[in-house]
């Protein structure tokens, strides 16, 4: 199906046919349609990519919708304007490389969670010193653990962020792979009053 401009797509057309002609529904959606058309009109007046670093809400969410980037969890993880802009900047490549380690790594980077290591597989195949005994891989895990992967963070993330990441990342990871754990044992928590022992953070895994 050919893409249609947002302002040319009646809001009612996105609703189930069983309700989109209901008078009360039409009264609600007509103002929404006008607002959407206004956003589209304003967006068309500017060079989006050249001015992306100065665009704010609600235009960023409109752009995310147009770029099919408003995934329930991904956009929820983008808490700052910077994170939202960074996601939009890589949106086209994310769709192009969806299902790859590149996509996973760059989503995390764009969201502001720093650099990560992605360890694929759970098993140590050889006792030749090529693997360190870190607990991430084991000698008993190589037969059935090949599709699993672990993401190691070096920046602290809260428990609720870790839970959202567990839901969001598989959407962009290789379809054959299964997220086994998010590890943030190596995350450095500075003792400067920025972090508290209040249950928001932990020093283990999710």
Protein backbone atom coordinates (compact mmCIF):
# COMPACT_ATOMS: atom_id res chain seq x y z
CA UNK A 1 0.00 0.00 0.00
CA UNK A 2 1.33 3.40 -0.97
CA UNK A 3 2.05 5.70 1.96
CA UNK A 4 -0.33 8.61 2.33
CA UNK A 5 0.56 11.94 3.94
CA UNK A 6 -0.56 12.13 7.54
CA UNK A 7 -2.83 15.11 6.88
CA UNK A 8 -4.53 13.14 4.07
CA UNK A 9 -5.37 10.17 6.30
CA UNK A 10 -8.68 10.76 8.09
CA UNK A 11 -8.41 9.76 11.73
CA UNK A 12 -11.69 7.85 11.46
CA UNK A 13 -10.17 5.60 8.80
CA UNK A 14 -7.84 4.21 11.46
CA UNK A 15 -10.75 3.18 13.68
CA UNK A 16 -12.80 -0.04 13.41
CA UNK A 17 -15.69 0.29 10.98
CA UNK A 18 -18.06 -0.72 13.76
CA UNK A 19 -17.52 2.60 15.55
CA UNK A 20 -16.06 5.10 13.09
CA UNK A 21 -19.47 6.38 12.00
CA UNK A 22 -20.82 6.76 15.50
CA UNK A 23 -21.84 10.38 16.08
CA UNK A 24 -20.12 10.64 19.46
CA UNK A 25 -16.91 9.16 18.04
CA UNK A 26 -16.97 11.59 15.10
CA UNK A 27 -17.38 14.51 17.50
CA UNK A 28 -14.25 13.38 19.34
CA UNK A 29 -12.11 12.61 16.30
CA UNK A 30 -12.83 15.75 14.27
CA UNK A 31 -10.81 18.02 16.62
CA UNK A 32 -8.03 15.42 16.65
CA UNK A 33 -7.97 15.40 12.87
CA UNK A 34 -7.62 19.18 12.79
CA UNK A 35 -4.74 19.03 15.26
CA UNK A 36 -2.95 16.32 13.27
CA UNK A 37 -3.37 18.35 10.08
CA UNK A 38 -1.92 21.39 11.85
CA UNK A 39 1.18 19.42 12.94
CA UNK A 40 1.64 18.07 9.43
CA UNK A 41 1.32 21.51 7.90
CA UNK A 42 3.87 22.98 10.32
CA UNK A 43 6.31 20.12 9.74
CA UNK A 44 6.15 20.63 6.00
CA UNK A 45 7.30 24.22 6.41
CA UNK A 46 10.68 23.32 7.86
CA UNK A 47 13.65 21.31 6.73
CA UNK A 48 13.21 18.51 9.25
CA UNK A 49 16.63 16.92 9.22
CA UNK A 50 18.56 20.17 9.25
CA UNK A 51 16.65 21.46 12.26
CA UNK A 52 16.03 18.22 14.12
CA UNK A 53 18.16 19.27 17.10
CA UNK A 54 15.84 22.21 17.76
CA UNK A 55 12.49 20.44 17.22
CA UNK A 56 10.52 19.74 20.39
CA UNK A 57 7.31 18.00 21.34
CA UNK A 58 4.70 17.37 20.09
CA UNK A 59 6.40 17.42 16.68
CA UNK A 60 8.96 14.79 17.71
CA UNK A 61 6.20 12.29 18.49
CA UNK A 62 4.54 13.12 15.18
CA UNK A 63 7.81 12.41 13.38
CA UNK A 64 8.19 9.16 15.30
CA UNK A 65 4.70 8.15 14.17
CA UNK A 66 5.51 8.94 10.54
CA UNK A 67 8.75 6.95 10.78
CA UNK A 68 7.00 3.97 12.44
CA UNK A 69 9.18 4.53 15.47
CA UNK A 70 6.46 4.97 18.07
CA UNK A 71 6.85 1.40 19.33
CA UNK A 72 5.15 1.15 22.71
CA UNK A 73 8.34 0.53 24.67
CA UNK A 74 11.01 2.22 22.53
CA UNK A 75 9.39 5.65 22.63
CA UNK A 76 8.58 5.22 26.32
CA UNK A 77 12.28 4.64 26.98
CA UNK A 78 13.16 7.90 25.22
CA UNK A 79 12.56 10.08 28.27
CA UNK A 80 14.53 13.15 27.13
CA UNK A 81 14.27 15.29 24.01
CA UNK A 82 17.86 14.31 23.16
CA UNK A 83 16.99 10.60 23.24
CA UNK A 84 13.94 11.16 21.06
CA UNK A 85 15.97 13.14 18.53
CA UNK A 86 18.71 10.49 18.50
CA UNK A 87 16.17 7.74 17.79
CA UNK A 88 14.62 9.72 14.96
CA UNK A 89 18.08 10.31 13.44
CA UNK A 90 18.68 6.56 13.16
CA UNK A 91 15.08 5.56 12.39
CA UNK A 92 15.63 4.79 8.69
CA UNK A 93 18.72 2.69 9.40
CA UNK A 94 16.91 0.93 12.26
CA UNK A 95 14.28 -0.31 9.82
CA UNK A 96 16.97 -1.21 7.30
CA UNK A 97 19.03 -3.21 9.79
CA UNK A 98 16.21 -4.46 11.99
CA UNK A 99 17.03 -7.93 13.26
CA UNK A 100 20.72 -7.27 13.78
CA UNK A 101 23.17 -6.67 16.61
CA UNK A 102 23.78 -3.24 15.06
CA UNK A 103 20.16 -2.26 15.69
CA UNK A 104 20.26 -3.39 19.31
CA UNK A 105 23.53 -1.62 20.05
CA UNK A 106 22.47 1.65 18.41
CA UNK A 107 19.07 1.77 20.09
CA UNK A 108 20.80 1.54 23.46
CA UNK A 109 23.34 4.18 22.44
CA UNK A 110 20.65 6.54 21.10
CA UNK A 111 18.66 6.25 24.32
CA UNK A 112 21.71 7.46 26.24
CA UNK A 113 22.60 4.25 28.05
CA UNK A 114 26.17 4.19 26.78
CA UNK A 115 28.23 1.49 25.13
CA UNK A 116 27.42 -2.16 25.79
CA UNK A 117 28.86 -5.58 25.12
CA UNK A 118 26.57 -8.14 23.51
CA UNK A 119 27.60 -11.72 24.28
CA UNK A 120 25.93 -14.29 22.04
CA UNK A 121 25.51 -17.87 23.22
CA UNK A 122 25.75 -19.31 26.73
CA UNK A 123 28.31 -22.02 26.21
CA UNK A 124 32.09 -22.33 26.42
CA UNK A 125 33.11 -24.78 23.71
CA UNK A 126 36.81 -25.10 24.39
CA UNK A 127 38.96 -25.32 27.51
CA UNK A 128 41.81 -23.45 25.88
CA UNK A 129 41.74 -20.19 27.80
CA UNK A 130 39.90 -18.34 25.06
CA UNK A 131 36.97 -17.70 27.42
CA UNK A 132 37.10 -16.14 30.86
CA UNK A 133 35.10 -17.66 33.69
CA UNK A 134 32.80 -14.69 34.25
CA UNK A 135 29.62 -16.65 34.81
CA UNK A 136 28.11 -15.42 31.56
CA UNK A 137 29.13 -18.53 29.63
CA UNK A 138 29.39 -22.06 31.04
CA UNK A 139 30.71 -25.41 29.79
CA UNK A 140 27.23 -26.89 30.05
CA UNK A 141 25.48 -24.17 28.06
CA UNK A 142 26.79 -24.52 24.51
CA UNK A 143 24.41 -27.22 23.22
CA UNK A 144 21.09 -25.57 23.96
CA UNK A 145 22.22 -22.04 24.74
CA UNK A 146 23.35 -20.88 21.29
CA UNK A 147 20.28 -18.64 20.58
CA UNK A 148 20.55 -16.76 23.88
CA UNK A 149 22.43 -13.51 24.33
CA UNK A 150 23.44 -11.25 27.22
CA UNK A 151 23.78 -7.47 27.15
CA UNK A 152 26.39 -6.03 29.51
CA UNK A 153 25.86 -2.41 30.56
CA UNK A 154 28.56 -0.16 31.95
CA UNK A 155 26.23 2.71 32.84
CA UNK A 156 23.73 2.36 35.72
CA UNK A 157 20.10 1.84 34.70
CA UNK A 158 17.07 1.58 36.93
CA UNK A 159 15.13 -1.64 37.38
CA UNK A 160 12.10 -0.27 35.55
CA UNK A 161 14.28 0.80 32.59
CA UNK A 162 15.80 -2.69 32.50
CA UNK A 163 12.31 -4.19 32.38
CA UNK A 164 11.28 -1.93 29.49
CA UNK A 165 14.50 -2.79 27.63
CA UNK A 166 13.70 -6.49 27.97
CA UNK A 167 10.40 -5.81 26.20
CA UNK A 168 11.70 -3.37 23.59
CA UNK A 169 14.97 -4.92 22.41
CA UNK A 170 13.60 -8.23 21.02
CA UNK A 171 11.58 -6.20 18.50
CA UNK A 172 14.86 -5.18 16.81
CA UNK A 173 17.11 -8.15 17.64
CA UNK A 174 17.68 -11.12 15.32
CA UNK A 175 14.49 -13.21 15.29
CA UNK A 176 16.44 -16.39 16.08
CA UNK A 177 17.88 -14.85 19.26
CA UNK A 178 16.50 -14.75 22.79
CA UNK A 179 17.48 -12.09 25.32
CA UNK A 180 18.70 -14.13 28.27
CA UNK A 181 19.80 -11.40 30.67
CA UNK A 182 20.70 -7.77 31.06
CA UNK A 183 23.85 -7.55 33.13
CA UNK A 184 24.90 -4.36 34.89
CA UNK A 185 27.31 -5.74 37.45
CA UNK A 186 30.05 -3.64 35.86
CA UNK A 187 28.07 -0.39 35.97
CA UNK A 188 29.98 2.22 37.93
CA UNK A 189 27.86 4.00 40.54
CA UNK A 190 29.68 7.09 41.69
CA UNK A 191 29.42 7.84 45.41
CA UNK A 192 28.39 11.43 44.87
CA UNK A 193 24.81 11.39 46.04
CA UNK A 194 23.41 10.68 42.58
CA UNK A 195 22.26 7.18 43.56
CA UNK A 196 20.39 6.00 46.62
CA UNK A 197 19.73 2.62 48.24
CA UNK A 198 16.01 2.92 47.51
CA UNK A 199 15.43 -0.13 45.30
CA UNK A 200 15.51 1.78 42.01
CA UNK A 201 18.93 0.36 41.12
CA UNK A 202 20.65 -2.93 41.75
CA UNK A 203 24.13 -4.22 40.96
CA UNK A 204 23.16 -7.48 39.36
CA UNK A 205 21.04 -8.63 36.45
CA UNK A 206 17.57 -8.29 35.04
